[in-house]
Protein backbone atom coordinates (compact mmCIF):
# COMPACT_ATOMS: atom_id res chain seq x y z
CA MET A 1 -26.75 -90.68 36.68
CA ILE A 2 -26.51 -87.32 36.66
CA LYS A 3 -29.71 -85.49 37.89
CA ASN A 4 -28.65 -81.97 38.86
CA TYR A 5 -26.49 -79.35 36.89
CA PHE A 6 -24.61 -76.58 38.44
CA PHE A 7 -23.55 -74.07 36.10
CA ASP A 8 -21.34 -71.09 36.21
CA PHE A 9 -22.65 -67.78 33.80
CA ASP A 10 -20.23 -65.98 32.27
CA LYS A 11 -18.10 -67.43 29.77
CA THR A 12 -20.00 -70.86 30.49
CA LEU A 13 -23.34 -70.04 29.18
CA ALA A 14 -23.04 -66.65 27.78
CA ASP A 15 -20.17 -64.46 26.48
CA SER A 16 -20.06 -61.18 27.98
CA GLY A 17 -17.28 -59.80 25.01
CA ASP A 18 -15.42 -57.02 26.34
CA ALA A 19 -17.85 -55.57 28.80
CA SER A 20 -16.04 -56.99 32.14
CA ILE A 21 -12.85 -55.98 30.69
CA PHE A 22 -14.15 -52.53 29.75
CA ALA A 23 -15.73 -51.60 33.23
CA THR A 24 -13.02 -52.71 35.18
CA LYS A 25 -10.53 -50.25 33.30
CA GLU A 26 -13.08 -47.69 33.49
CA ALA A 27 -13.52 -48.23 37.16
CA PHE A 28 -10.02 -48.24 37.80
CA LYS A 29 -9.12 -45.14 35.88
CA THR A 30 -12.11 -43.12 37.52
CA MET A 31 -10.76 -44.12 40.73
CA GLY A 32 -7.34 -42.62 39.47
CA LEU A 33 -5.92 -45.85 40.23
CA VAL A 34 -3.17 -48.19 37.86
CA VAL A 35 -5.21 -49.75 35.18
CA PRO A 36 -4.65 -53.52 35.13
CA LYS A 37 -4.01 -55.22 31.93
CA THR A 38 -6.54 -57.02 29.81
CA ASN A 39 -4.76 -60.66 30.65
CA VAL A 40 -4.73 -59.98 34.14
CA ILE A 41 -8.47 -59.21 34.68
CA LEU A 42 -9.20 -62.42 32.43
CA GLY A 43 -7.15 -64.60 34.79
CA TYR A 44 -9.34 -63.37 37.78
CA MET A 45 -12.58 -64.02 35.68
CA GLY A 46 -14.77 -66.16 38.19
CA ILE A 47 -13.94 -64.34 41.51
CA PRO A 48 -16.23 -61.65 42.86
CA ALA A 49 -15.09 -58.36 42.00
CA GLU A 50 -14.63 -57.59 45.86
CA ILE A 51 -12.08 -60.08 45.95
CA SER A 52 -10.25 -59.77 42.53
CA PHE A 53 -9.75 -56.07 42.42
CA LYS A 54 -8.01 -56.08 45.59
CA GLU A 55 -5.69 -58.75 44.17
CA MET A 56 -5.14 -56.84 40.78
CA ALA A 57 -4.52 -53.15 42.43
CA SER A 58 -1.23 -51.97 42.17
CA GLU A 59 -2.17 -49.98 45.20
CA GLY A 60 -3.37 -50.94 48.79
CA LEU A 61 -6.69 -50.20 48.80
CA SER A 62 -9.27 -49.69 52.00
CA GLU A 63 -12.82 -51.58 52.30
CA VAL A 64 -14.03 -48.22 51.36
CA GLN A 65 -12.41 -47.93 48.36
CA ILE A 66 -12.87 -51.46 47.51
CA GLN A 67 -17.02 -50.64 47.71
CA LYS A 68 -16.62 -47.59 45.52
CA LEU A 69 -14.39 -49.10 42.92
CA THR A 70 -16.78 -52.06 42.74
CA GLY A 71 -19.94 -50.06 42.65
CA ILE A 72 -18.22 -47.79 39.85
CA PHE A 73 -17.82 -51.18 37.79
CA ARG A 74 -21.19 -52.20 38.31
CA THR A 75 -22.55 -49.05 37.26
CA ILE A 76 -20.56 -48.80 33.83
CA TYR A 77 -20.85 -53.06 33.33
CA GLN A 78 -24.84 -52.64 33.52
CA LYS A 79 -24.98 -49.98 30.75
CA VAL A 80 -23.01 -52.09 28.50
CA GLU A 81 -23.92 -55.70 29.20
CA ILE A 82 -27.08 -55.89 27.35
CA LYS A 83 -25.13 -55.31 23.60
CA SER A 84 -22.27 -57.16 24.57
CA THR A 85 -23.77 -60.21 26.30
CA LYS A 86 -24.81 -63.38 24.18
CA LEU A 87 -25.36 -67.11 24.74
CA TYR A 88 -22.61 -69.61 23.23
CA PRO A 89 -23.99 -71.13 20.06
CA ASP A 90 -25.99 -74.32 21.21
CA ILE A 91 -26.41 -73.47 24.92
CA LEU A 92 -30.12 -72.65 24.16
CA SER A 93 -30.54 -76.28 22.87
CA MET A 94 -28.59 -78.01 25.64
CA LEU A 95 -30.63 -76.37 28.01
CA THR A 96 -33.88 -77.48 26.30
CA SER A 97 -32.88 -80.83 26.08
CA LEU A 98 -31.71 -81.22 29.74
CA LYS A 99 -35.22 -79.45 30.83
CA ASN A 100 -37.43 -81.97 28.84
CA LYS A 101 -35.15 -85.07 30.79
CA ASN A 102 -36.19 -83.54 33.83
CA LYS A 103 -33.09 -82.74 35.28
CA ASN A 104 -32.68 -79.75 37.86
CA ILE A 105 -30.61 -76.83 36.31
CA PHE A 106 -29.18 -74.01 38.77
CA ILE A 107 -26.59 -71.37 38.34
CA VAL A 108 -23.85 -70.88 40.85
CA SER A 109 -22.10 -67.47 40.23
CA SER A 110 -19.69 -64.84 41.06
CA LYS A 111 -21.63 -62.47 40.21
CA LYS A 112 -24.55 -60.60 42.73
CA THR A 113 -27.96 -62.86 42.18
CA ASP A 114 -29.80 -59.76 40.80
CA ALA A 115 -27.33 -59.41 38.08
CA VAL A 116 -27.40 -62.69 36.86
CA GLU A 117 -31.19 -62.55 37.08
CA ARG A 118 -31.08 -59.61 34.62
CA ASN A 119 -28.70 -61.13 32.55
CA LEU A 120 -31.18 -64.35 32.22
CA ASN A 121 -33.85 -62.28 31.67
CA ASN A 122 -32.45 -60.48 28.92
CA LEU A 123 -31.42 -63.79 27.17
CA LYS A 124 -34.69 -65.04 27.71
CA ILE A 125 -33.60 -68.19 29.34
CA ILE A 126 -34.33 -67.61 32.86
CA SER A 127 -37.38 -70.08 33.05
CA PHE A 128 -34.72 -72.91 32.55
CA PHE A 129 -33.11 -72.61 36.01
CA GLN A 130 -34.72 -73.70 39.22
CA ASP A 131 -32.45 -71.73 41.43
CA ILE A 132 -29.88 -69.07 41.33
CA VAL A 133 -26.97 -68.58 43.84
CA GLY A 134 -24.90 -65.28 43.44
CA PHE A 135 -22.00 -64.29 45.49
CA ASP A 136 -24.27 -62.51 47.82
CA LYS A 137 -26.27 -65.34 48.80
CA VAL A 138 -22.80 -67.53 50.36
CA LYS A 139 -20.37 -66.24 53.51
CA ASN A 140 -17.65 -67.89 51.40
CA TYR A 141 -17.58 -67.47 47.27
CA LYS A 142 -15.56 -69.43 44.83
CA PRO A 143 -13.55 -71.64 45.13
CA ALA A 144 -15.45 -72.23 48.42
CA PRO A 145 -18.14 -74.87 47.95
CA ASP A 146 -20.53 -72.76 49.73
CA GLY A 147 -22.87 -72.01 46.71
CA ILE A 148 -23.21 -75.61 45.58
CA LEU A 149 -23.69 -76.60 49.43
CA LEU A 150 -26.48 -74.38 49.50
CA LEU A 151 -28.41 -75.81 47.01
CA LEU A 152 -27.65 -79.29 47.60
CA SER A 153 -29.06 -78.50 50.92
CA ARG A 154 -32.00 -76.65 50.05
CA TYR A 155 -33.22 -79.22 47.46
CA ASP A 156 -32.29 -82.33 49.22
CA LEU A 157 -29.87 -83.32 46.16
CA ILE A 158 -27.58 -86.42 46.24
CA LYS A 159 -23.96 -85.45 45.49
CA ASP A 160 -23.48 -88.58 43.34
CA GLU A 161 -26.12 -87.42 40.72
CA SER A 162 -24.72 -83.58 40.59
CA LEU A 163 -22.09 -82.05 38.34
CA MET A 164 -20.60 -78.37 38.29
CA ILE A 165 -19.82 -77.09 34.70
CA GLY A 166 -17.60 -73.89 34.30
CA ASP A 167 -14.80 -72.46 32.42
CA ALA A 168 -12.33 -71.19 35.01
CA LYS A 169 -10.35 -73.39 37.55
CA TYR A 170 -12.16 -72.11 40.13
CA ASP A 171 -15.54 -73.70 39.08
CA ILE A 172 -13.85 -77.02 39.41
CA GLN A 173 -12.14 -76.23 42.37
CA MET A 174 -15.43 -75.25 44.09
CA GLY A 175 -17.29 -78.56 42.46
CA LYS A 176 -14.65 -80.85 43.89
CA ALA A 177 -14.37 -79.07 47.51
CA ALA A 178 -18.34 -79.50 47.77
CA GLY A 179 -17.77 -83.59 46.96
CA ILE A 180 -19.60 -83.34 43.07
CA LYS A 181 -18.49 -84.15 39.58
CA THR A 182 -17.08 -81.44 37.50
CA CYS A 183 -16.98 -80.25 34.06
CA GLY A 184 -14.58 -78.11 32.29
CA ALA A 185 -16.53 -76.04 29.49
CA LEU A 186 -13.67 -75.46 27.12
CA TRP A 187 -15.69 -72.94 24.44
CA GLY A 188 -15.62 -69.66 26.74
CA ALA A 189 -12.57 -70.64 28.61
CA PHE A 190 -9.48 -67.98 29.02
CA ASP A 191 -7.20 -70.63 30.45
CA ALA A 192 -7.74 -73.79 28.76
CA ASN A 193 -4.69 -75.37 30.26
CA GLY A 194 -5.22 -74.17 34.03
CA LEU A 195 -8.82 -75.71 33.68
CA ALA A 196 -7.33 -79.28 31.95
CA ASN A 197 -4.56 -79.19 34.94
CA GLU A 198 -7.60 -79.20 37.33
CA ARG A 199 -8.60 -82.49 36.08
CA PRO A 200 -12.28 -82.36 35.68
CA THR A 201 -14.30 -85.30 35.68
CA TYR A 202 -15.07 -84.29 31.95
CA LEU A 203 -13.62 -81.98 29.89
CA ILE A 204 -16.08 -80.75 26.50
CA ASP A 205 -15.66 -78.63 23.86
CA GLN A 206 -19.32 -78.47 22.76
CA PRO A 207 -22.35 -77.50 25.14
CA MET A 208 -24.53 -80.41 23.62
CA GLU A 209 -21.70 -83.30 24.94
CA LEU A 210 -23.52 -82.10 28.52
CA VAL A 211 -26.66 -83.94 27.58
CA MET A 212 -24.99 -87.15 26.75
CA LEU A 213 -22.73 -87.27 30.06
CA GLU A 214 -23.86 -89.92 32.36
């Protein structure tokens, strides 16, 4: 039986629209860098900006430049996220059902913890989550299992009773590396084939299907 649910945030619980794409392009433009194409940005969704920006930049960037670039990105993103970020249909019903079943619900995200908390407060769903781990809380980011392992240890959870849910291959890779079950969330996935190719334990089309998993 699944008792512990670990969720990704962006494109799994909520759709941030074009906020990340817009903020990324504006940050690169502000720095005078070659602006990455939309499909390149989407392909790196699920990885912290500190890593993905370095990978998608045409130029070789120093750590100082990366810090400045990510700082500009987050400033722009915060200005546009409230209007752009919305829950996917049935997410609230799904979370309510899991909570009523006394399940433990967590978030493991590639965003900074305070940014996730801000999003959850804006969406009025923060009360559903027992704990939140952003990339700033671990040494190694997705697809490394550190975020999940931290929560498993902190709450003395059993791996066989735990499930990682996400829209990207990195979420599934992280769950597998942590030794827990995995679930691909197709409703927000940019690369559905890539997600399926990771062979998650479950692959679902609708949020409420989660409630029926065992």
